[in-house]
Amino acid sequence: MTKCTPSSIQFPGCRGRKVEAEFTGGDITSDAGVLLLREADRALKLTKRIAQSLAEPRRKRSCLHSLPSLLRQRVFGLALGYEDLNDHETLRFDPAFQTALGRDEPLAGKSTLCRFENQADRQSMWAISSALVDVFIESFKSPPKELILDFDSTDDVVHGKQDGRFFHGYYDNYCFLPLYVFCGNHLLAAYLRPSKINNAKHAWAILSLLVKRIRQSWPSVRIIFRSDSGFCRWKMLRWCDRNNVGYVVGLAKNTRLLHMAKEQIDAASVSFKQSGLKQKLFGEVRYAAASWERERRVIVKAEHTAKGSNPRFVVTNLFCNPENMYTTYCARGEMENRIKEQQLYLYSDRTSCHKWWANQFRVLLSGIAYTLLEAIRRLGLVGTQYSQSRCDTIRLKLLKIGGVIVRNTRRVRFYLSSAYPYKKLFQTVLLKLMPT
């Protein structure tokens, strides 16, 4: 039969020489940095503890690939930028990947990984979520004095007939509405929800579980709930008041609030007209919505620019001057960057499975991959110029390394690129991740 695929790829010449390329190099990898992921995983014992909690419905004697191996293969693949199961049809033969998983034979193919995802259930999701919180708690050498838990949701657009898909008017599309919880750069929860619910649905239950788990380890830690106005619900606020949890939550403006803040709003307008410069004035009022059982402290930010007045309101039970309190609230915007890392670089929105729990599993797999990359950032890159790098920057500079691999009965040797520009950084990160 005639072969239609050319044996080599022709490029324009270079100084009188032909330039050709072939995919026949043998044991060469472009992902030698997967060894860093392995060390980060060993340092956290993350996939090990998760795999021990996952249900195993298969007959072990008939299985070529163990649960820990399947879990690591899927998570390492996401961290390296391979979001599609089809990628593993060829990736399974990559010797670097095999070495990172402690194997020297082909890894699982797309069909095996698909079955692995579709066996996910509620118990598995609970085990993964618990492990993420445990890793967060273990990351502290001493008990913290204060923790701020950021809650936010986003849209996860779907294009098929997945379980739980609904049309969302605000996002103008069929989507899911996942809820994320972060504490600084640490991911604490990634909870997939249908989009037919209000923004705060189940947020109170997750907050309650997180507070109870954290206080088991640190009874005296001060916990603050921070979120935008979509999570301003009277039950949430009342629960926080009763359980000694602080809150800094956005409050949607209304006619009554605007009337109560009229003094600050007018003053900002006058100052702008006099100076022509953007004005920000801060104050506070005592306010109670119709559903609230009592009045609460509301911070007022009266802003006036060339585009007009832009007043904002934040409800809180903390005691701090209004300007500092509003600055604390604005810091929640950093969480949106973490959500972008989840969706843009770790593909948490690749929820194309038909079954609900399989899609929830994919969201959490991305969360596990993020936790490993965050461990590299937190443990390995601390003190370097890349200590605040995004996940895609870490992947590009530390994981995407070309190398030739030679395996024999005694050793596996990686011959990494001599022209790799981050040799010292790679060695520094590796030494920090490896056990002493």
Protein backbone atom coordinates (compact mmCIF):
# COMPACT_ATOMS: atom_id res chain seq x y z
CA MET A 1 0.00 0.00 0.00
CA THR A 2 1.29 3.45 -0.90
CA LYS A 3 2.39 5.62 2.04
CA CYS A 4 0.96 9.15 1.82
CA THR A 5 2.85 10.47 4.86
CA PRO A 6 6.25 11.94 3.88
CA SER A 7 9.24 10.34 5.61
CA SER A 8 10.77 13.73 6.37
CA ILE A 9 9.75 17.37 6.64
CA GLN A 10 11.59 19.84 4.41
CA PHE A 11 12.49 23.34 5.62
CA PRO A 12 14.32 26.20 3.87
CA GLY A 13 18.05 25.60 3.71
CA CYS A 14 20.68 27.06 6.04
CA ARG A 15 24.08 28.15 4.66
CA GLY A 16 23.99 25.76 1.77
CA ARG A 17 22.72 22.83 3.80
CA LYS A 18 19.35 21.10 3.52
CA VAL A 19 17.16 21.31 6.63
CA GLU A 20 15.03 18.21 7.27
CA ALA A 21 13.05 16.86 10.22
CA GLU A 22 11.68 13.42 11.09
CA PHE A 23 9.72 12.07 14.02
CA THR A 24 12.06 9.10 14.34
CA GLY A 25 14.44 10.26 17.04
CA GLY A 26 13.62 7.44 19.44
CA ASP A 27 13.77 7.95 23.21
CA ILE A 28 13.64 11.74 23.22
CA THR A 29 11.31 13.79 25.41
CA SER A 30 10.18 17.40 25.44
CA ASP A 31 8.88 17.05 29.02
CA ALA A 32 11.95 16.17 31.08
CA GLY A 33 10.70 18.53 33.79
CA VAL A 34 8.08 15.95 34.70
CA LEU A 35 10.72 14.77 37.19
CA LEU A 36 10.10 17.99 39.15
CA LEU A 37 6.41 17.14 39.30
CA ARG A 38 7.30 13.72 40.67
CA GLU A 39 9.42 15.29 43.42
CA ALA A 40 6.68 17.80 44.28
CA ASP A 41 4.19 14.95 44.50
CA ARG A 42 6.54 12.97 46.72
CA ALA A 43 7.06 15.97 48.99
CA LEU A 44 3.30 16.42 49.47
CA LYS A 45 2.39 12.71 49.24
CA LEU A 46 -0.66 14.06 47.40
CA THR A 47 -1.56 11.47 44.78
CA LYS A 48 -0.56 8.68 47.15
CA ARG A 49 -3.05 9.68 49.84
CA ILE A 50 -5.76 10.37 47.27
CA ALA A 51 -5.30 7.03 45.52
CA GLN A 52 -5.58 5.21 48.86
CA SER A 53 -9.03 6.76 49.34
CA LEU A 54 -10.40 6.05 45.86
CA ALA A 55 -12.75 3.12 45.35
CA GLU A 56 -11.30 0.28 43.26
CA PRO A 57 -14.13 -1.58 41.48
CA ARG A 58 -11.75 -3.43 39.14
CA ARG A 59 -10.35 -6.92 39.58
CA LYS A 60 -6.71 -6.16 40.43
CA ARG A 61 -5.24 -9.33 38.94
CA SER A 62 -6.64 -8.34 35.54
CA CYS A 63 -5.34 -4.75 35.65
CA LEU A 64 -2.12 -3.58 34.02
CA HIS A 65 -2.34 -0.08 35.50
CA SER A 66 -2.85 0.67 39.19
CA LEU A 67 -5.04 3.50 40.50
CA PRO A 68 -2.03 5.57 41.67
CA SER A 69 -0.46 5.21 38.22
CA LEU A 70 -3.65 6.29 36.43
CA LEU A 71 -4.12 9.24 38.77
CA ARG A 72 -0.52 10.44 38.38
CA GLN A 73 -0.60 9.99 34.61
CA ARG A 74 -3.70 12.15 34.30
CA VAL A 75 -2.52 14.83 36.76
CA PHE A 76 1.02 15.07 35.37
CA GLY A 77 -0.43 15.31 31.87
CA LEU A 78 -2.60 18.28 32.85
CA ALA A 79 0.31 20.00 34.56
CA LEU A 80 2.37 19.59 31.38
CA GLY A 81 -0.39 20.98 29.17
CA TYR A 82 -2.03 17.81 27.81
CA GLU A 83 -5.74 18.29 28.52
CA ASP A 84 -7.09 15.74 26.04
CA LEU A 85 -7.18 12.02 26.71
CA ASN A 86 -6.29 11.44 23.06
CA ASP A 87 -2.86 12.94 23.79
CA HIS A 88 -2.06 9.91 25.94
CA GLU A 89 -2.27 7.54 22.98
CA THR A 90 1.26 8.64 22.06
CA LEU A 91 2.29 10.22 25.37
CA ARG A 92 2.07 6.80 27.01
CA PHE A 93 5.26 5.83 25.18
CA ASP A 94 7.26 8.82 26.44
CA PRO A 95 10.11 7.40 28.57
CA ALA A 96 10.21 10.52 30.76
CA PHE A 97 6.54 10.09 31.63
CA GLN A 98 7.07 6.40 32.32
CA THR A 99 10.03 7.13 34.59
CA ALA A 100 8.06 9.76 36.54
CA LEU A 101 5.38 7.13 37.19
CA GLY A 102 7.94 4.46 38.17
CA ARG A 103 7.27 2.39 35.05
CA ASP A 104 9.35 1.14 32.12
CA GLU A 105 6.51 -0.07 29.90
CA PRO A 106 3.72 1.77 28.03
CA LEU A 107 1.30 3.67 30.23
CA ALA A 108 -2.49 3.65 30.03
CA GLY A 109 -4.22 4.63 26.79
CA LYS A 110 -7.16 6.95 26.32
CA SER A 111 -9.78 4.23 26.79
CA THR A 112 -8.37 3.12 30.14
CA LEU A 113 -8.15 6.72 31.33
CA CYS A 114 -11.72 7.36 30.16
CA ARG A 115 -12.99 4.42 32.21
CA PHE A 116 -10.95 5.70 35.16
CA GLU A 117 -12.67 9.09 34.98
CA ASN A 118 -16.14 7.63 34.59
CA GLN A 119 -15.89 5.45 37.69
CA ALA A 120 -15.74 8.62 39.84
CA ASP A 121 -18.39 8.96 42.55
CA ARG A 122 -19.26 11.19 45.49
CA GLN A 123 -16.93 9.35 47.87
CA SER A 124 -13.96 9.86 45.53
CA MET A 125 -14.66 13.58 45.24
CA TRP A 126 -14.85 13.89 49.02
CA ALA A 127 -11.49 12.14 49.39
CA ILE A 128 -9.79 14.48 46.91
CA SER A 129 -11.29 17.60 48.48
CA SER A 130 -10.18 16.48 51.94
CA ALA A 131 -6.65 15.84 50.69
CA LEU A 132 -6.41 19.37 49.23
CA VAL A 133 -7.32 20.85 52.63
CA ASP A 134 -4.88 18.54 54.42
CA VAL A 135 -2.04 19.66 52.14
CA PHE A 136 -2.94 23.29 52.85
CA ILE A 137 -2.81 22.73 56.62
CA GLU A 138 0.49 20.84 56.38
CA SER A 139 2.06 23.72 54.43
CA PHE A 140 2.30 25.80 57.65
CA LYS A 141 5.25 25.24 59.94
CA SER A 142 3.48 27.04 62.77
CA PRO A 143 -0.21 27.89 63.34
CA PRO A 144 -1.25 31.04 61.46
CA LYS A 145 -2.91 33.90 63.32
CA GLU A 146 -5.36 34.73 60.53
CA LEU A 147 -6.73 33.08 57.38
CA ILE A 148 -8.85 34.74 54.70
CA LEU A 149 -11.01 32.34 52.69
CA ASP A 150 -11.94 33.72 49.27
CA PHE A 151 -15.11 32.41 47.62
CA ASP A 152 -15.96 33.00 43.97
CA SER A 153 -17.69 31.29 41.07
CA THR A 154 -17.20 31.37 37.32
CA ASP A 155 -18.85 30.05 34.17
CA ASP A 156 -17.80 26.75 32.61
CA VAL A 157 -19.29 26.73 29.11
CA VAL A 158 -20.46 23.35 27.79
CA HIS A 159 -21.19 22.40 24.19
CA GLY A 160 -22.92 19.05 24.52
CA LYS A 161 -25.75 17.37 26.42
CA GLN A 162 -23.88 16.92 29.70
CA ASP A 163 -25.76 16.09 32.89
CA GLY A 164 -26.53 19.28 34.79
CA ARG A 165 -26.14 21.73 31.92
CA PHE A 166 -28.52 24.68 31.93
CA PHE A 167 -28.76 28.03 30.20
CA HIS A 168 -27.49 30.94 32.29
CA GLY A 169 -28.93 34.35 31.45
CA TYR A 170 -26.01 36.41 32.74
CA TYR A 171 -23.39 34.43 30.84
CA ASP A 172 -25.76 33.97 27.87
CA ASN A 173 -24.72 30.37 27.35
CA TYR A 174 -25.19 26.77 28.45
CA CYS A 175 -22.72 26.22 31.25
CA PHE A 176 -21.85 24.92 34.68
CA LEU A 177 -21.26 27.29 37.61
CA PRO A 178 -18.26 25.93 39.57
CA LEU A 179 -17.42 27.37 42.98
CA TYR A 180 -13.78 27.88 43.99
CA VAL A 181 -12.32 28.56 47.42
CA PHE A 182 -8.76 29.83 47.85
CA CYS A 183 -6.68 30.93 50.81
CA GLY A 184 -3.92 32.98 49.27
CA ASN A 185 -2.50 30.77 46.51
CA HIS A 186 -3.78 27.54 48.08
CA LEU A 187 -6.77 25.83 46.48
CA LEU A 188 -9.16 24.55 49.16
CA ALA A 189 -12.24 23.62 47.13
CA ALA A 190 -13.30 23.24 43.49
CA TYR A 191 -16.97 22.37 43.46
CA LEU A 192 -18.86 21.88 40.20
CA ARG A 193 -22.48 23.10 40.23
CA PRO A 194 -25.29 23.35 37.67
CA SER A 195 -25.95 26.88 36.46
CA LYS A 196 -29.66 27.01 37.35
CA ILE A 197 -28.85 28.00 40.94
CA ASN A 198 -28.02 31.29 42.65
CA ASN A 199 -24.37 32.20 43.06
CA ALA A 200 -24.19 31.36 46.76
CA LYS A 201 -25.80 27.92 46.58
CA HIS A 202 -23.98 25.44 48.88
CA ALA A 203 -21.34 28.08 49.75
CA TRP A 204 -22.51 28.15 53.37
CA ALA A 205 -22.11 24.36 53.70
CA ILE A 206 -18.58 24.48 52.24
CA LEU A 207 -17.62 27.38 54.51
CA SER A 208 -18.92 25.47 57.54
CA LEU A 209 -16.94 22.33 56.64
CA LEU A 210 -13.74 24.29 56.02
CA VAL A 211 -14.01 26.23 59.28
CA LYS A 212 -14.59 23.04 61.29
CA ARG A 213 -11.65 21.25 59.64
CA ILE A 214 -9.26 24.20 60.04
CA ARG A 215 -10.21 24.70 63.71
CA GLN A 216 -9.53 21.04 64.40
CA SER A 217 -5.87 21.83 63.73
CA TRP A 218 -5.79 25.46 64.87
CA PRO A 219 -8.56 26.20 67.41
CA SER A 220 -7.54 29.83 67.94
CA VAL A 221 -6.97 30.89 64.33
CA ARG A 222 -8.96 33.90 63.13
CA ILE A 223 -10.95 33.04 59.99
CA ILE A 224 -12.38 35.64 57.61
CA PHE A 225 -14.88 34.93 54.84
CA ARG A 226 -14.39 37.23 51.83
CA SER A 227 -16.48 37.39 48.68
CA ASP A 228 -18.39 39.63 46.29
CA SER A 229 -22.05 40.66 46.52
CA GLY A 230 -23.25 37.43 44.91
CA PHE A 231 -22.53 35.68 48.24
CA CYS A 232 -24.14 38.29 50.48
CA ARG A 233 -26.91 36.15 51.99
CA TRP A 234 -28.39 36.67 55.44
CA LYS A 235 -27.87 33.04 56.44
CA MET A 236 -24.16 33.28 55.63
CA LEU A 237 -23.75 36.50 57.61
CA ARG A 238 -25.71 35.21 60.60
CA TRP A 239 -23.76 31.94 60.65
CA CYS A 240 -20.47 33.86 60.61
CA ASP A 241 -21.62 36.07 63.50
CA ARG A 242 -22.67 33.05 65.57
CA ASN A 243 -19.49 31.07 64.88
CA ASN A 244 -16.91 33.80 65.40
CA VAL A 245 -16.02 34.03 61.71
CA GLY A 246 -15.22 37.45 60.27
CA TYR A 247 -16.62 38.51 56.93
CA VAL A 248 -15.89 41.14 54.27
CA VAL A 249 -18.58 40.81 51.62
CA GLY A 250 -19.64 43.07 48.78
CA LEU A 251 -23.13 44.55 49.03
CA ALA A 252 -25.20 45.48 45.97
CA LYS A 253 -26.20 49.14 45.97
CA ASN A 254 -29.85 50.19 46.24
CA THR A 255 -31.83 53.38 46.68
CA ARG A 256 -31.70 53.28 50.46
CA LEU A 257 -27.95 52.73 50.60
CA LEU A 258 -27.36 55.53 48.12
CA HIS A 259 -29.48 57.85 50.27
CA MET A 260 -27.60 56.89 53.45
CA ALA A 261 -24.24 57.53 51.74
CA LYS A 262 -25.37 60.79 50.11
CA GLU A 263 -22.97 62.92 52.15
CA GLN A 264 -19.85 61.05 50.98
CA ILE A 265 -21.13 60.77 47.38
CA ASP A 266 -21.82 64.51 47.17
CA ALA A 267 -18.48 65.39 48.75
CA ALA A 268 -16.62 63.23 46.19
CA SER A 269 -18.54 64.91 43.36
CA VAL A 270 -17.68 68.41 44.61
CA SER A 271 -14.00 67.55 45.05
CA PHE A 272 -13.83 66.16 41.51
CA LYS A 273 -15.37 69.30 40.02
CA GLN A 274 -12.86 71.45 41.89
CA SER A 275 -9.74 69.42 41.11
CA GLY A 276 -10.64 67.52 37.95
CA LEU A 277 -8.92 64.48 39.48
CA LYS A 278 -10.38 61.12 40.41
CA GLN A 279 -11.76 61.20 43.95
CA LYS A 280 -12.22 58.44 46.53
CA LEU A 281 -13.84 59.09 49.88
CA PHE A 282 -14.53 56.44 52.51
CA GLY A 283 -17.09 56.26 55.26
CA GLU A 284 -19.48 53.88 56.98
CA VAL A 285 -23.17 53.53 57.80
CA ARG A 286 -25.37 51.17 59.81
CA TYR A 287 -27.70 49.29 57.50
CA ALA A 288 -30.14 46.35 57.66
CA ALA A 289 -31.74 44.77 54.61
CA ALA A 290 -35.32 43.57 54.92
CA SER A 291 -34.19 39.96 55.43
CA TRP A 292 -31.54 40.78 58.05
CA GLU A 293 -32.28 40.29 61.73
CA ARG A 294 -30.26 43.39 62.75
CA GLU A 295 -28.21 46.28 61.46
CA ARG A 296 -24.65 45.67 60.29
CA ARG A 297 -21.64 47.82 59.55
CA VAL A 298 -21.40 48.83 55.88
CA ILE A 299 -18.27 50.46 54.42
CA VAL A 300 -18.93 53.16 51.81
CA LYS A 301 -16.51 53.98 48.99
CA ALA A 302 -17.68 57.15 47.23
CA GLU A 303 -15.75 57.35 43.97
CA HIS A 304 -16.15 60.02 41.32
CA THR A 305 -14.32 60.10 37.96
CA ALA A 306 -14.79 61.67 34.56
CA LYS A 307 -17.34 58.95 33.88
CA GLY A 308 -19.42 59.98 36.87
CA SER A 309 -20.19 58.66 40.33
CA ASN A 310 -19.31 55.03 41.18
CA PRO A 311 -20.25 54.27 44.82
CA ARG A 312 -19.50 50.80 46.26
CA PHE A 313 -20.54 49.10 49.50
CA VAL A 314 -19.04 46.34 51.65
CA VAL A 315 -20.67 44.73 54.70
CA THR A 316 -18.39 43.52 57.49
CA ASN A 317 -18.27 42.56 61.16
CA LEU A 318 -14.59 43.51 61.50
CA PHE A 319 -13.25 46.63 63.21
CA CYS A 320 -10.87 48.59 61.03
CA ASN A 321 -10.93 52.06 59.48
CA PRO A 322 -13.12 52.19 56.32
CA GLU A 323 -10.30 52.74 53.82
CA ASN A 324 -8.19 49.82 55.09
CA MET A 325 -11.31 47.65 55.26
CA TYR A 326 -12.15 48.36 51.63
CA THR A 327 -8.53 47.70 50.61
CA THR A 328 -8.80 44.31 52.31
CA TYR A 329 -11.94 43.61 50.30
CA CYS A 330 -10.32 44.61 47.00
CA ALA A 331 -7.49 42.12 47.56
CA ARG A 332 -9.97 39.35 46.74
CA GLY A 333 -9.42 40.24 43.08
CA GLU A 334 -6.19 38.23 43.17
CA MET A 335 -8.33 35.10 43.47
CA GLU A 336 -9.61 35.69 39.95
CA ASN A 337 -6.07 35.18 38.67
CA ARG A 338 -5.96 31.80 40.40
CA ILE A 339 -9.26 30.82 38.75
CA LYS A 340 -7.83 31.86 35.39
CA GLU A 341 -4.85 29.59 36.02
CA GLN A 342 -7.27 26.73 36.65
CA GLN A 343 -9.27 27.27 33.48
CA LEU A 344 -6.75 28.65 30.98
CA TYR A 345 -3.64 26.67 31.86
CA LEU A 346 -4.89 23.57 33.68
CA TYR A 347 -8.11 23.06 31.71
CA SER A 348 -10.58 22.73 34.56
CA ASP A 349 -13.29 23.77 32.08
CA ARG A 350 -12.66 20.70 29.89
CA THR A 351 -15.89 19.20 31.25
CA SER A 352 -16.95 17.31 28.14
CA CYS A 353 -17.92 14.03 29.85
CA HIS A 354 -21.60 13.10 29.81
CA LYS A 355 -21.74 12.00 33.46
CA TRP A 356 -21.84 14.61 36.22
CA TRP A 357 -19.33 12.98 38.57
CA ALA A 358 -16.81 12.45 35.76
CA ASN A 359 -16.89 16.19 35.05
CA GLN A 360 -16.53 16.99 38.76
CA PHE A 361 -13.55 14.61 38.77
CA ARG A 362 -11.94 16.53 35.91
CA VAL A 363 -12.31 19.81 37.80
CA LEU A 364 -10.58 18.27 40.82
CA LEU A 365 -7.86 16.65 38.68
CA SER A 366 -7.01 20.15 37.48
CA GLY A 367 -7.02 21.22 41.13
CA ILE A 368 -4.50 18.48 41.99
CA ALA A 369 -2.28 19.57 39.09
CA TYR A 370 -2.50 23.17 40.33
CA THR A 371 -1.55 22.08 43.86
CA LEU A 372 1.60 20.37 42.53
CA LEU A 373 2.61 23.43 40.51
CA GLU A 374 1.86 25.64 43.51
CA ALA A 375 4.18 23.40 45.57
CA ILE A 376 6.94 24.03 43.01
CA ARG A 377 6.21 27.76 43.25
CA ARG A 378 5.96 27.81 47.05
CA LEU A 379 8.79 25.41 47.96
CA GLY A 380 11.13 25.43 44.98
CA LEU A 381 10.92 28.96 43.58
CA VAL A 382 10.83 30.85 46.89
CA GLY A 383 13.52 33.52 46.95
CA THR A 384 13.86 33.60 43.15
CA GLN A 385 12.52 36.04 40.58
CA TYR A 386 9.91 33.43 39.62
CA SER A 387 8.37 33.07 43.08
CA GLN A 388 5.09 34.63 41.85
CA SER A 389 5.04 33.07 38.39
CA ARG A 390 1.87 31.72 36.85
CA CYS A 391 1.42 28.03 36.17
CA ASP A 392 2.06 28.44 32.46
CA THR A 393 5.37 30.23 33.15
CA ILE A 394 6.48 27.43 35.49
CA ARG A 395 5.53 24.89 32.83
CA LEU A 396 7.42 26.71 30.09
CA LYS A 397 10.62 27.35 32.02
CA LEU A 398 10.92 24.27 34.22
CA LEU A 399 8.87 21.43 32.73
CA LYS A 400 9.20 21.77 28.96
CA ILE A 401 12.81 20.62 28.66
CA GLY A 402 14.14 18.60 25.74
CA GLY A 403 16.32 15.61 26.43
CA VAL A 404 17.57 12.23 25.22
CA ILE A 405 16.85 9.28 27.51
CA VAL A 406 19.00 6.17 27.75
CA ARG A 407 17.68 3.22 29.74
CA ASN A 408 19.47 0.02 30.64
CA THR A 409 19.28 -2.53 33.41
CA ARG A 410 21.22 -0.33 35.84
CA ARG A 411 19.98 3.23 35.33
CA VAL A 412 17.81 5.69 33.47
CA ARG A 413 19.92 8.64 32.29
CA PHE A 414 18.46 11.92 31.05
CA TYR A 415 20.72 13.90 28.69
CA LEU A 416 19.10 17.32 28.88
CA SER A 417 19.59 20.06 26.33
CA SER A 418 22.99 21.75 26.61
CA ALA A 419 21.39 25.02 25.50
CA TYR A 420 18.71 24.97 28.23
CA PRO A 421 18.87 28.51 29.72
CA TYR A 422 17.55 27.71 33.21
CA LYS A 423 19.99 25.01 34.34
CA LYS A 424 20.85 26.62 37.67
CA LEU A 425 17.20 27.39 38.43
CA PHE A 426 16.20 23.80 37.67
CA GLN A 427 18.90 22.42 39.98
CA THR A 428 17.94 24.86 42.73
CA VAL A 429 14.26 23.89 42.57
CA LEU A 430 15.07 20.19 42.51
CA LEU A 431 17.29 20.44 45.60
CA LYS A 432 14.54 22.28 47.51
CA LEU A 433 11.91 19.69 46.59
CA MET A 434 13.96 16.58 47.35
CA PRO A 435 13.98 15.29 50.94
CA THR A 436 17.05 16.15 53.00
